[in-house]
ModelCIF file with pLDDT and N, C-alpha, C, O atoms, coordinates in Angstrom:
data_MODEL
#
_entry.id   MODEL 
#
_entity.id                         1 
_entity.type                       polymer 
_entity.pdbx_number_of_molecules   1 
#
_entity_poly.entity_id                      1 
_entity_poly.type                           'polypeptide(L)' 
_entity_poly.nstd_linkage                   no 
_entity_poly.nstd_monomer                   no 
_entity_poly.pdbx_seq_one_letter_code       GLRRLLDGHRPYPAVVVDRFGDLVAANDALDLLTEGVAPELLEPPVNV 
_entity_poly.pdbx_seq_one_letter_code_can   GLRRLLDGHRPYPAVVVDRFGDLVAANDALDLLTEGVAPELLEPPVNV 
_entity_poly.pdbx_strand_id                 A 
#
loop_
_entity_poly_seq.entity_id 
_entity_poly_seq.num 
_entity_poly_seq.mon_id 
_entity_poly_seq.hetero 
1 1  GLY n 
1 2  LEU n 
1 3  ARG n 
1 4  ARG n 
1 5  LEU n 
1 6  LEU n 
1 7  ASP n 
1 8  GLY n 
1 9  HIS n 
1 10 ARG n 
1 11 PRO n 
1 12 TYR n 
1 13 PRO n 
1 14 ALA n 
1 15 VAL n 
1 16 VAL n 
1 17 VAL n 
1 18 ASP n 
1 19 ARG n 
1 20 PHE n 
1 21 GLY n 
1 22 ASP n 
1 23 LEU n 
1 24 VAL n 
1 25 ALA n 
1 26 ALA n 
1 27 ASN n 
1 28 ASP n 
1 29 ALA n 
1 30 LEU n 
1 31 ASP n 
1 32 LEU n 
1 33 LEU n 
1 34 THR n 
1 35 GLU n 
1 36 GLY n 
1 37 VAL n 
1 38 ALA n 
1 39 PRO n 
1 40 GLU n 
1 41 LEU n 
1 42 LEU n 
1 43 GLU n 
1 44 PRO n 
1 45 PRO n 
1 46 VAL n 
1 47 ASN n 
1 48 VAL n 
#
_struct_asym.id          A 
_struct_asym.entity_id   1 
#
loop_
_ma_qa_metric.id 
_ma_qa_metric.mode 
_ma_qa_metric.name 
_ma_qa_metric.software_group_id 
_ma_qa_metric.type 
1 global pLDDT . pLDDT 
2 local  pLDDT . pLDDT 
#
_ma_qa_metric_global.metric_id      1 
_ma_qa_metric_global.metric_value   95.54 
_ma_qa_metric_global.model_id       1 
_ma_qa_metric_global.ordinal_id     1 
#
loop_
_ma_qa_metric_local.label_asym_id 
_ma_qa_metric_local.label_comp_id 
_ma_qa_metric_local.label_seq_id 
_ma_qa_metric_local.metric_id 
_ma_qa_metric_local.metric_value 
_ma_qa_metric_local.model_id 
_ma_qa_metric_local.ordinal_id 
A GLY 1  2 94.00 1 1  
A LEU 2  2 95.00 1 2  
A ARG 3  2 95.00 1 3  
A ARG 4  2 96.00 1 4  
A LEU 5  2 95.00 1 5  
A LEU 6  2 96.00 1 6  
A ASP 7  2 96.00 1 7  
A GLY 8  2 95.00 1 8  
A HIS 9  2 95.00 1 9  
A ARG 10 2 94.00 1 10 
A PRO 11 2 95.00 1 11 
A TYR 12 2 96.00 1 12 
A PRO 13 2 97.00 1 13 
A ALA 14 2 97.00 1 14 
A VAL 15 2 97.00 1 15 
A VAL 16 2 97.00 1 16 
A VAL 17 2 96.00 1 17 
A ASP 18 2 95.00 1 18 
A ARG 19 2 93.00 1 19 
A PHE 20 2 95.00 1 20 
A GLY 21 2 95.00 1 21 
A ASP 22 2 97.00 1 22 
A LEU 23 2 97.00 1 23 
A VAL 24 2 96.00 1 24 
A ALA 25 2 96.00 1 25 
A ALA 26 2 97.00 1 26 
A ASN 27 2 97.00 1 27 
A ASP 28 2 95.00 1 28 
A ALA 29 2 95.00 1 29 
A LEU 30 2 95.00 1 30 
A ASP 31 2 94.00 1 31 
A LEU 32 2 93.00 1 32 
A LEU 33 2 94.00 1 33 
A THR 34 2 95.00 1 34 
A GLU 35 2 94.00 1 35 
A GLY 36 2 94.00 1 36 
A VAL 37 2 97.00 1 37 
A ALA 38 2 97.00 1 38 
A PRO 39 2 97.00 1 39 
A GLU 40 2 97.00 1 40 
A LEU 41 2 97.00 1 41 
A LEU 42 2 97.00 1 42 
A GLU 43 2 95.00 1 43 
A PRO 44 2 93.00 1 44 
A PRO 45 2 93.00 1 45 
A VAL 46 2 96.00 1 46 
A ASN 47 2 97.00 1 47 
A VAL 48 2 97.00 1 48 
#
loop_
_atom_site.group_PDB 
_atom_site.id 
_atom_site.type_symbol 
_atom_site.label_atom_id 
_atom_site.label_alt_id 
_atom_site.label_comp_id 
_atom_site.label_asym_id 
_atom_site.label_entity_id 
_atom_site.label_seq_id 
_atom_site.pdbx_PDB_ins_code 
_atom_site.Cartn_x 
_atom_site.Cartn_y 
_atom_site.Cartn_z 
_atom_site.occupancy 
_atom_site.B_iso_or_equiv 
_atom_site.pdbx_formal_charge 
_atom_site.auth_seq_id 
_atom_site.auth_comp_id 
_atom_site.auth_asym_id 
_atom_site.auth_atom_id 
_atom_site.pdbx_PDB_model_num 
ATOM 1   N N  . GLY A 1 1  ? 57.364 82.510 130.002 1.00 94.00 ? 1  GLY A N  1 
ATOM 2   C CA . GLY A 1 1  ? 58.024 81.268 129.452 1.00 94.00 ? 1  GLY A CA 1 
ATOM 3   C C  . GLY A 1 1  ? 58.211 80.450 130.327 1.00 94.00 ? 1  GLY A C  1 
ATOM 4   O O  . GLY A 1 1  ? 58.128 79.284 129.941 1.00 94.00 ? 1  GLY A O  1 
ATOM 5   N N  . LEU A 1 2  ? 58.495 80.643 131.653 1.00 95.00 ? 2  LEU A N  1 
ATOM 6   C CA . LEU A 1 2  ? 58.678 79.503 132.673 1.00 95.00 ? 2  LEU A CA 1 
ATOM 7   C C  . LEU A 1 2  ? 57.403 78.738 133.040 1.00 95.00 ? 2  LEU A C  1 
ATOM 8   O O  . LEU A 1 2  ? 57.461 77.588 133.475 1.00 95.00 ? 2  LEU A O  1 
ATOM 9   N N  . ARG A 1 3  ? 56.191 79.430 132.847 1.00 95.00 ? 3  ARG A N  1 
ATOM 10  C CA . ARG A 1 3  ? 54.969 78.888 133.132 1.00 95.00 ? 3  ARG A CA 1 
ATOM 11  C C  . ARG A 1 3  ? 54.651 77.833 131.816 1.00 95.00 ? 3  ARG A C  1 
ATOM 12  O O  . ARG A 1 3  ? 54.181 76.708 131.982 1.00 95.00 ? 3  ARG A O  1 
ATOM 13  N N  . ARG A 1 4  ? 54.958 78.351 130.620 1.00 96.00 ? 4  ARG A N  1 
ATOM 14  C CA . ARG A 1 4  ? 54.823 77.464 129.499 1.00 96.00 ? 4  ARG A CA 1 
ATOM 15  C C  . ARG A 1 4  ? 55.587 76.119 129.728 1.00 96.00 ? 4  ARG A C  1 
ATOM 16  O O  . ARG A 1 4  ? 55.153 74.995 129.475 1.00 96.00 ? 4  ARG A O  1 
ATOM 17  N N  . LEU A 1 5  ? 56.749 76.427 130.228 1.00 95.00 ? 5  LEU A N  1 
ATOM 18  C CA . LEU A 1 5  ? 57.707 75.137 130.435 1.00 95.00 ? 5  LEU A CA 1 
ATOM 19  C C  . LEU A 1 5  ? 57.009 74.223 131.486 1.00 95.00 ? 5  LEU A C  1 
ATOM 20  O O  . LEU A 1 5  ? 56.971 72.996 131.394 1.00 95.00 ? 5  LEU A O  1 
ATOM 21  N N  . LEU A 1 6  ? 56.495 74.911 132.431 1.00 96.00 ? 6  LEU A N  1 
ATOM 22  C CA . LEU A 1 6  ? 55.700 74.067 133.595 1.00 96.00 ? 6  LEU A CA 1 
ATOM 23  C C  . LEU A 1 6  ? 54.660 73.299 133.004 1.00 96.00 ? 6  LEU A C  1 
ATOM 24  O O  . LEU A 1 6  ? 54.527 72.087 133.172 1.00 96.00 ? 6  LEU A O  1 
ATOM 25  N N  . ASP A 1 7  ? 53.940 74.006 132.324 1.00 96.00 ? 7  ASP A N  1 
ATOM 26  C CA . ASP A 1 7  ? 52.463 73.423 131.664 1.00 96.00 ? 7  ASP A CA 1 
ATOM 27  C C  . ASP A 1 7  ? 52.960 72.327 130.623 1.00 96.00 ? 7  ASP A C  1 
ATOM 28  O O  . ASP A 1 7  ? 52.372 71.247 130.566 1.00 96.00 ? 7  ASP A O  1 
ATOM 29  N N  . GLY A 1 8  ? 53.944 72.582 129.876 1.00 95.00 ? 8  GLY A N  1 
ATOM 30  C CA . GLY A 1 8  ? 54.422 71.546 128.981 1.00 95.00 ? 8  GLY A CA 1 
ATOM 31  C C  . GLY A 1 8  ? 55.087 70.277 129.591 1.00 95.00 ? 8  GLY A C  1 
ATOM 32  O O  . GLY A 1 8  ? 55.270 69.284 128.886 1.00 95.00 ? 8  GLY A O  1 
ATOM 33  N N  . HIS A 1 9  ? 55.416 70.309 130.782 1.00 95.00 ? 9  HIS A N  1 
ATOM 34  C CA . HIS A 1 9  ? 55.982 69.257 131.464 1.00 95.00 ? 9  HIS A CA 1 
ATOM 35  C C  . HIS A 1 9  ? 54.838 68.235 132.250 1.00 95.00 ? 9  HIS A C  1 
ATOM 36  O O  . HIS A 1 9  ? 55.132 67.202 132.851 1.00 95.00 ? 9  HIS A O  1 
ATOM 37  N N  . ARG A 1 10 ? 53.582 68.751 132.097 1.00 94.00 ? 10 ARG A N  1 
ATOM 38  C CA . ARG A 1 10 ? 52.683 67.813 132.610 1.00 94.00 ? 10 ARG A CA 1 
ATOM 39  C C  . ARG A 1 10 ? 52.661 66.546 131.772 1.00 94.00 ? 10 ARG A C  1 
ATOM 40  O O  . ARG A 1 10 ? 52.922 66.647 130.574 1.00 94.00 ? 10 ARG A O  1 
ATOM 41  N N  . PRO A 1 11 ? 52.354 65.287 132.332 1.00 95.00 ? 11 PRO A N  1 
ATOM 42  C CA . PRO A 1 11 ? 51.700 65.074 133.651 1.00 95.00 ? 11 PRO A CA 1 
ATOM 43  C C  . PRO A 1 11 ? 52.928 64.823 134.846 1.00 95.00 ? 11 PRO A C  1 
ATOM 44  O O  . PRO A 1 11 ? 52.722 64.155 135.860 1.00 95.00 ? 11 PRO A O  1 
ATOM 45  N N  . TYR A 1 12 ? 54.058 65.398 134.570 1.00 96.00 ? 12 TYR A N  1 
ATOM 46  C CA . TYR A 1 12 ? 55.042 65.203 135.703 1.00 96.00 ? 12 TYR A CA 1 
ATOM 47  C C  . TYR A 1 12 ? 55.278 66.466 136.235 1.00 96.00 ? 12 TYR A C  1 
ATOM 48  O O  . TYR A 1 12 ? 55.369 67.483 135.548 1.00 96.00 ? 12 TYR A O  1 
ATOM 49  N N  . PRO A 1 13 ? 55.390 66.416 137.586 1.00 97.00 ? 13 PRO A N  1 
ATOM 50  C CA . PRO A 1 13 ? 55.682 67.831 138.417 1.00 97.00 ? 13 PRO A CA 1 
ATOM 51  C C  . PRO A 1 13 ? 56.782 68.579 137.979 1.00 97.00 ? 13 PRO A C  1 
ATOM 52  O O  . PRO A 1 13 ? 57.778 68.096 137.440 1.00 97.00 ? 13 PRO A O  1 
ATOM 53  N N  . ALA A 1 14 ? 56.588 69.772 138.217 1.00 97.00 ? 14 ALA A N  1 
ATOM 54  C CA . ALA A 1 14 ? 57.750 70.769 137.998 1.00 97.00 ? 14 ALA A CA 1 
ATOM 55  C C  . ALA A 1 14 ? 57.605 72.075 138.649 1.00 97.00 ? 14 ALA A C  1 
ATOM 56  O O  . ALA A 1 14 ? 56.528 72.669 138.598 1.00 97.00 ? 14 ALA A O  1 
ATOM 57  N N  . VAL A 1 15 ? 58.665 72.577 139.283 1.00 97.00 ? 15 VAL A N  1 
ATOM 58  C CA . VAL A 1 15 ? 58.519 73.877 140.063 1.00 97.00 ? 15 VAL A CA 1 
ATOM 59  C C  . VAL A 1 15 ? 59.729 74.778 139.570 1.00 97.00 ? 15 VAL A C  1 
ATOM 60  O O  . VAL A 1 15 ? 60.723 74.371 138.968 1.00 97.00 ? 15 VAL A O  1 
ATOM 61  N N  . VAL A 1 16 ? 59.459 76.027 139.930 1.00 97.00 ? 16 VAL A N  1 
ATOM 62  C CA . VAL A 1 16 ? 60.462 77.137 139.867 1.00 97.00 ? 16 VAL A CA 1 
ATOM 63  C C  . VAL A 1 16 ? 60.626 77.586 141.305 1.00 97.00 ? 16 VAL A C  1 
ATOM 64  O O  . VAL A 1 16 ? 59.682 77.842 142.053 1.00 97.00 ? 16 VAL A O  1 
ATOM 65  N N  . VAL A 1 17 ? 61.889 77.658 141.618 1.00 96.00 ? 17 VAL A N  1 
ATOM 66  C CA . VAL A 1 17 ? 62.184 78.017 142.984 1.00 96.00 ? 17 VAL A CA 1 
ATOM 67  C C  . VAL A 1 17 ? 63.350 79.173 143.050 1.00 96.00 ? 17 VAL A C  1 
ATOM 68  O O  . VAL A 1 17 ? 64.129 79.314 142.107 1.00 96.00 ? 17 VAL A O  1 
ATOM 69  N N  . ASP A 1 18 ? 63.414 79.950 144.169 1.00 95.00 ? 18 ASP A N  1 
ATOM 70  C CA . ASP A 1 18 ? 64.451 80.889 144.092 1.00 95.00 ? 18 ASP A CA 1 
ATOM 71  C C  . ASP A 1 18 ? 65.819 80.250 144.759 1.00 95.00 ? 18 ASP A C  1 
ATOM 72  O O  . ASP A 1 18 ? 65.913 79.053 145.031 1.00 95.00 ? 18 ASP A O  1 
ATOM 73  N N  . ARG A 1 19 ? 66.855 81.206 144.980 1.00 93.00 ? 19 ARG A N  1 
ATOM 74  C CA . ARG A 1 19 ? 68.116 80.645 145.656 1.00 93.00 ? 19 ARG A CA 1 
ATOM 75  C C  . ARG A 1 19 ? 67.854 79.899 147.089 1.00 93.00 ? 19 ARG A C  1 
ATOM 76  O O  . ARG A 1 19 ? 68.683 79.074 147.474 1.00 93.00 ? 19 ARG A O  1 
ATOM 77  N N  . PHE A 1 20 ? 66.750 80.179 147.838 1.00 95.00 ? 20 PHE A N  1 
ATOM 78  C CA . PHE A 1 20 ? 66.649 79.638 149.077 1.00 95.00 ? 20 PHE A CA 1 
ATOM 79  C C  . PHE A 1 20 ? 65.700 78.414 149.058 1.00 95.00 ? 20 PHE A C  1 
ATOM 80  O O  . PHE A 1 20 ? 65.432 77.748 150.059 1.00 95.00 ? 20 PHE A O  1 
ATOM 81  N N  . GLY A 1 21 ? 65.228 78.193 147.836 1.00 95.00 ? 21 GLY A N  1 
ATOM 82  C CA . GLY A 1 21 ? 64.207 77.020 147.695 1.00 95.00 ? 21 GLY A CA 1 
ATOM 83  C C  . GLY A 1 21 ? 62.881 77.479 147.893 1.00 95.00 ? 21 GLY A C  1 
ATOM 84  O O  . GLY A 1 21 ? 62.051 76.602 148.130 1.00 95.00 ? 21 GLY A O  1 
ATOM 85  N N  . ASP A 1 22 ? 62.504 78.622 147.850 1.00 97.00 ? 22 ASP A N  1 
ATOM 86  C CA . ASP A 1 22 ? 61.163 79.256 148.147 1.00 97.00 ? 22 ASP A CA 1 
ATOM 87  C C  . ASP A 1 22 ? 60.305 78.902 146.729 1.00 97.00 ? 22 ASP A C  1 
ATOM 88  O O  . ASP A 1 22 ? 60.858 79.052 145.639 1.00 97.00 ? 22 ASP A O  1 
ATOM 89  N N  . LEU A 1 23 ? 59.192 78.518 146.812 1.00 97.00 ? 23 LEU A N  1 
ATOM 90  C CA . LEU A 1 23 ? 58.402 78.252 145.502 1.00 97.00 ? 23 LEU A CA 1 
ATOM 91  C C  . LEU A 1 23 ? 57.915 79.458 144.843 1.00 97.00 ? 23 LEU A C  1 
ATOM 92  O O  . LEU A 1 23 ? 57.203 80.254 145.457 1.00 97.00 ? 23 LEU A O  1 
ATOM 93  N N  . VAL A 1 24 ? 58.272 79.646 143.581 1.00 96.00 ? 24 VAL A N  1 
ATOM 94  C CA . VAL A 1 24 ? 57.788 80.768 142.731 1.00 96.00 ? 24 VAL A CA 1 
ATOM 95  C C  . VAL A 1 24 ? 56.650 80.448 141.842 1.00 96.00 ? 24 VAL A C  1 
ATOM 96  O O  . VAL A 1 24 ? 55.716 81.232 141.670 1.00 96.00 ? 24 VAL A O  1 
ATOM 97  N N  . ALA A 1 25 ? 56.740 79.235 141.255 1.00 96.00 ? 25 ALA A N  1 
ATOM 98  C CA . ALA A 1 25 ? 55.604 78.735 140.436 1.00 96.00 ? 25 ALA A CA 1 
ATOM 99  C C  . ALA A 1 25 ? 55.717 77.393 140.375 1.00 96.00 ? 25 ALA A C  1 
ATOM 100 O O  . ALA A 1 25 ? 56.781 76.865 140.698 1.00 96.00 ? 25 ALA A O  1 
ATOM 101 N N  . ALA A 1 26 ? 54.651 76.657 139.956 1.00 97.00 ? 26 ALA A N  1 
ATOM 102 C CA . ALA A 1 26 ? 54.588 75.192 139.915 1.00 97.00 ? 26 ALA A CA 1 
ATOM 103 C C  . ALA A 1 26 ? 53.511 74.855 138.894 1.00 97.00 ? 26 ALA A C  1 
ATOM 104 O O  . ALA A 1 26 ? 52.712 75.758 138.645 1.00 97.00 ? 26 ALA A O  1 
ATOM 105 N N  . ASN A 1 27 ? 53.361 73.600 138.218 1.00 97.00 ? 27 ASN A N  1 
ATOM 106 C CA . ASN A 1 27 ? 52.379 73.136 137.538 1.00 97.00 ? 27 ASN A CA 1 
ATOM 107 C C  . ASN A 1 27 ? 51.329 72.258 138.465 1.00 97.00 ? 27 ASN A C  1 
ATOM 108 O O  . ASN A 1 27 ? 51.640 71.892 139.598 1.00 97.00 ? 27 ASN A O  1 
ATOM 109 N N  . ASP A 1 28 ? 50.169 71.989 137.914 1.00 95.00 ? 28 ASP A N  1 
ATOM 110 C CA . ASP A 1 28 ? 49.348 71.326 138.690 1.00 95.00 ? 28 ASP A CA 1 
ATOM 111 C C  . ASP A 1 28 ? 49.599 69.846 139.136 1.00 95.00 ? 28 ASP A C  1 
ATOM 112 O O  . ASP A 1 28 ? 48.925 69.235 139.965 1.00 95.00 ? 28 ASP A O  1 
ATOM 113 N N  . ALA A 1 29 ? 50.666 69.379 138.458 1.00 95.00 ? 29 ALA A N  1 
ATOM 114 C CA . ALA A 1 29 ? 51.116 68.031 138.846 1.00 95.00 ? 29 ALA A CA 1 
ATOM 115 C C  . ALA A 1 29 ? 51.750 68.027 140.282 1.00 95.00 ? 29 ALA A C  1 
ATOM 116 O O  . ALA A 1 29 ? 51.904 67.003 140.949 1.00 95.00 ? 29 ALA A O  1 
ATOM 117 N N  . LEU A 1 30 ? 52.068 69.182 140.642 1.00 95.00 ? 30 LEU A N  1 
ATOM 118 C CA . LEU A 1 30 ? 52.821 69.202 142.003 1.00 95.00 ? 30 LEU A CA 1 
ATOM 119 C C  . LEU A 1 30 ? 51.726 68.636 143.084 1.00 95.00 ? 30 LEU A C  1 
ATOM 120 O O  . LEU A 1 30 ? 52.140 68.293 144.192 1.00 95.00 ? 30 LEU A O  1 
ATOM 121 N N  . ASP A 1 31 ? 50.626 68.556 142.836 1.00 94.00 ? 31 ASP A N  1 
ATOM 122 C CA . ASP A 1 31 ? 49.690 67.840 143.764 1.00 94.00 ? 31 ASP A CA 1 
ATOM 123 C C  . ASP A 1 31 ? 50.163 66.387 144.142 1.00 94.00 ? 31 ASP A C  1 
ATOM 124 O O  . ASP A 1 31 ? 49.891 65.871 145.226 1.00 94.00 ? 31 ASP A O  1 
ATOM 125 N N  . LEU A 1 32 ? 50.776 65.872 143.316 1.00 93.00 ? 32 LEU A N  1 
ATOM 126 C CA . LEU A 1 32 ? 51.346 64.438 143.427 1.00 93.00 ? 32 LEU A CA 1 
ATOM 127 C C  . LEU A 1 32 ? 52.419 64.469 144.595 1.00 93.00 ? 32 LEU A C  1 
ATOM 128 O O  . LEU A 1 32 ? 52.442 63.533 145.395 1.00 93.00 ? 32 LEU A O  1 
ATOM 129 N N  . LEU A 1 33 ? 53.245 65.453 144.700 1.00 94.00 ? 33 LEU A N  1 
ATOM 130 C CA . LEU A 1 33 ? 54.081 65.617 145.848 1.00 94.00 ? 33 LEU A CA 1 
ATOM 131 C C  . LEU A 1 33 ? 53.590 66.248 146.943 1.00 94.00 ? 33 LEU A C  1 
ATOM 132 O O  . LEU A 1 33 ? 54.253 66.069 147.964 1.00 94.00 ? 33 LEU A O  1 
ATOM 133 N N  . THR A 1 34 ? 52.529 67.003 147.049 1.00 95.00 ? 34 THR A N  1 
ATOM 134 C CA . THR A 1 34 ? 52.051 67.582 148.240 1.00 95.00 ? 34 THR A CA 1 
ATOM 135 C C  . THR A 1 34 ? 50.900 67.082 148.918 1.00 95.00 ? 34 THR A C  1 
ATOM 136 O O  . THR A 1 34 ? 50.414 67.604 149.921 1.00 95.00 ? 34 THR A O  1 
ATOM 137 N N  . GLU A 1 35 ? 50.441 65.971 148.298 1.00 94.00 ? 35 GLU A N  1 
ATOM 138 C CA . GLU A 1 35 ? 49.309 65.073 148.902 1.00 94.00 ? 35 GLU A CA 1 
ATOM 139 C C  . GLU A 1 35 ? 49.653 64.711 150.243 1.00 94.00 ? 35 GLU A C  1 
ATOM 140 O O  . GLU A 1 35 ? 50.655 64.011 150.389 1.00 94.00 ? 35 GLU A O  1 
ATOM 141 N N  . GLY A 1 36 ? 48.914 65.111 151.377 1.00 94.00 ? 36 GLY A N  1 
ATOM 142 C CA . GLY A 1 36 ? 49.033 64.821 152.646 1.00 94.00 ? 36 GLY A CA 1 
ATOM 143 C C  . GLY A 1 36 ? 50.001 65.584 153.331 1.00 94.00 ? 36 GLY A C  1 
ATOM 144 O O  . GLY A 1 36 ? 50.383 65.246 154.452 1.00 94.00 ? 36 GLY A O  1 
ATOM 145 N N  . VAL A 1 37 ? 50.453 66.642 152.718 1.00 97.00 ? 37 VAL A N  1 
ATOM 146 C CA . VAL A 1 37 ? 51.438 67.603 153.444 1.00 97.00 ? 37 VAL A CA 1 
ATOM 147 C C  . VAL A 1 37 ? 50.621 68.510 154.252 1.00 97.00 ? 37 VAL A C  1 
ATOM 148 O O  . VAL A 1 37 ? 49.581 68.995 153.805 1.00 97.00 ? 37 VAL A O  1 
ATOM 149 N N  . ALA A 1 38 ? 51.081 68.764 155.483 1.00 97.00 ? 38 ALA A N  1 
ATOM 150 C CA . ALA A 1 38 ? 50.307 69.530 156.482 1.00 97.00 ? 38 ALA A CA 1 
ATOM 151 C C  . ALA A 1 38 ? 50.051 71.119 155.755 1.00 97.00 ? 38 ALA A C  1 
ATOM 152 O O  . ALA A 1 38 ? 50.869 71.756 155.091 1.00 97.00 ? 38 ALA A O  1 
ATOM 153 N N  . PRO A 1 39 ? 48.872 71.446 156.060 1.00 97.00 ? 39 PRO A N  1 
ATOM 154 C CA . PRO A 1 39 ? 48.507 72.733 155.398 1.00 97.00 ? 39 PRO A CA 1 
ATOM 155 C C  . PRO A 1 39 ? 49.465 73.916 155.755 1.00 97.00 ? 39 PRO A C  1 
ATOM 156 O O  . PRO A 1 39 ? 49.710 74.769 154.902 1.00 97.00 ? 39 PRO A O  1 
ATOM 157 N N  . GLU A 1 40 ? 49.984 73.973 156.952 1.00 97.00 ? 40 GLU A N  1 
ATOM 158 C CA . GLU A 1 40 ? 50.977 75.084 157.304 1.00 97.00 ? 40 GLU A CA 1 
ATOM 159 C C  . GLU A 1 40 ? 52.161 75.074 156.404 1.00 97.00 ? 40 GLU A C  1 
ATOM 160 O O  . GLU A 1 40 ? 52.794 76.093 156.125 1.00 97.00 ? 40 GLU A O  1 
ATOM 161 N N  . LEU A 1 41 ? 52.434 73.891 155.963 1.00 97.00 ? 41 LEU A N  1 
ATOM 162 C CA . LEU A 1 41 ? 53.685 73.869 155.031 1.00 97.00 ? 41 LEU A CA 1 
ATOM 163 C C  . LEU A 1 41 ? 53.462 74.324 153.635 1.00 97.00 ? 41 LEU A C  1 
ATOM 164 O O  . LEU A 1 41 ? 54.381 74.452 152.825 1.00 97.00 ? 41 LEU A O  1 
ATOM 165 N N  . LEU A 1 42 ? 52.227 74.560 153.382 1.00 97.00 ? 42 LEU A N  1 
ATOM 166 C CA . LEU A 1 42 ? 51.745 75.011 152.004 1.00 97.00 ? 42 LEU A CA 1 
ATOM 167 C C  . LEU A 1 42 ? 51.279 76.446 152.278 1.00 97.00 ? 42 LEU A C  1 
ATOM 168 O O  . LEU A 1 42 ? 50.514 76.881 151.416 1.00 97.00 ? 42 LEU A O  1 
ATOM 169 N N  . GLU A 1 43 ? 51.530 77.156 153.142 1.00 95.00 ? 43 GLU A N  1 
ATOM 170 C CA . GLU A 1 43 ? 51.264 78.524 153.123 1.00 95.00 ? 43 GLU A CA 1 
ATOM 171 C C  . GLU A 1 43 ? 52.402 79.210 152.798 1.00 95.00 ? 43 GLU A C  1 
ATOM 172 O O  . GLU A 1 43 ? 53.514 78.984 153.274 1.00 95.00 ? 43 GLU A O  1 
ATOM 173 N N  . PRO A 1 44 ? 52.037 80.333 151.715 1.00 93.00 ? 44 PRO A N  1 
ATOM 174 C CA . PRO A 1 44 ? 53.301 81.187 151.043 1.00 93.00 ? 44 PRO A CA 1 
ATOM 175 C C  . PRO A 1 44 ? 53.932 81.775 152.173 1.00 93.00 ? 44 PRO A C  1 
ATOM 176 O O  . PRO A 1 44 ? 53.275 82.162 153.139 1.00 93.00 ? 44 PRO A O  1 
ATOM 177 N N  . PRO A 1 45 ? 55.342 81.877 152.096 1.00 93.00 ? 45 PRO A N  1 
ATOM 178 C CA . PRO A 1 45 ? 56.161 81.332 151.031 1.00 93.00 ? 45 PRO A CA 1 
ATOM 179 C C  . PRO A 1 45 ? 56.408 79.896 151.197 1.00 93.00 ? 45 PRO A C  1 
ATOM 180 O O  . PRO A 1 45 ? 57.066 79.544 152.176 1.00 93.00 ? 45 PRO A O  1 
ATOM 181 N N  . VAL A 1 46 ? 55.958 78.998 150.349 1.00 96.00 ? 46 VAL A N  1 
ATOM 182 C CA . VAL A 1 46 ? 56.265 77.530 150.429 1.00 96.00 ? 46 VAL A CA 1 
ATOM 183 C C  . VAL A 1 46 ? 57.836 77.413 150.223 1.00 96.00 ? 46 VAL A C  1 
ATOM 184 O O  . VAL A 1 46 ? 58.427 78.052 149.352 1.00 96.00 ? 46 VAL A O  1 
ATOM 185 N N  . ASN A 1 47 ? 58.423 76.588 151.056 1.00 97.00 ? 47 ASN A N  1 
ATOM 186 C CA . ASN A 1 47 ? 59.763 76.182 150.967 1.00 97.00 ? 47 ASN A CA 1 
ATOM 187 C C  . ASN A 1 47 ? 59.951 74.702 150.499 1.00 97.00 ? 47 ASN A C  1 
ATOM 188 O O  . ASN A 1 47 ? 59.724 73.799 151.304 1.00 97.00 ? 47 ASN A O  1 
ATOM 189 N N  . VAL A 1 48 ? 60.317 74.453 149.358 1.00 97.00 ? 48 VAL A N  1 
ATOM 190 C CA . VAL A 1 48 ? 60.326 72.894 148.855 1.00 97.00 ? 48 VAL A CA 1 
ATOM 191 C C  . VAL A 1 48 ? 61.369 72.062 149.633 1.00 97.00 ? 48 VAL A C  1 
ATOM 192 O O  . VAL A 1 48 ? 61.513 70.865 149.386 1.00 97.00 ? 48 VAL A O  1 
#
């Protein structure tokens, strides 16, 4: 259900995070925010 919400929010970015801000899921519009971000910050677990 969350993934359907994420997909339905495109073309705008959307993420699901846990209580510490760790990324659980995201739509592909997240690329807008992660462009230019260092690769090590995008290694799981990603903290937003």
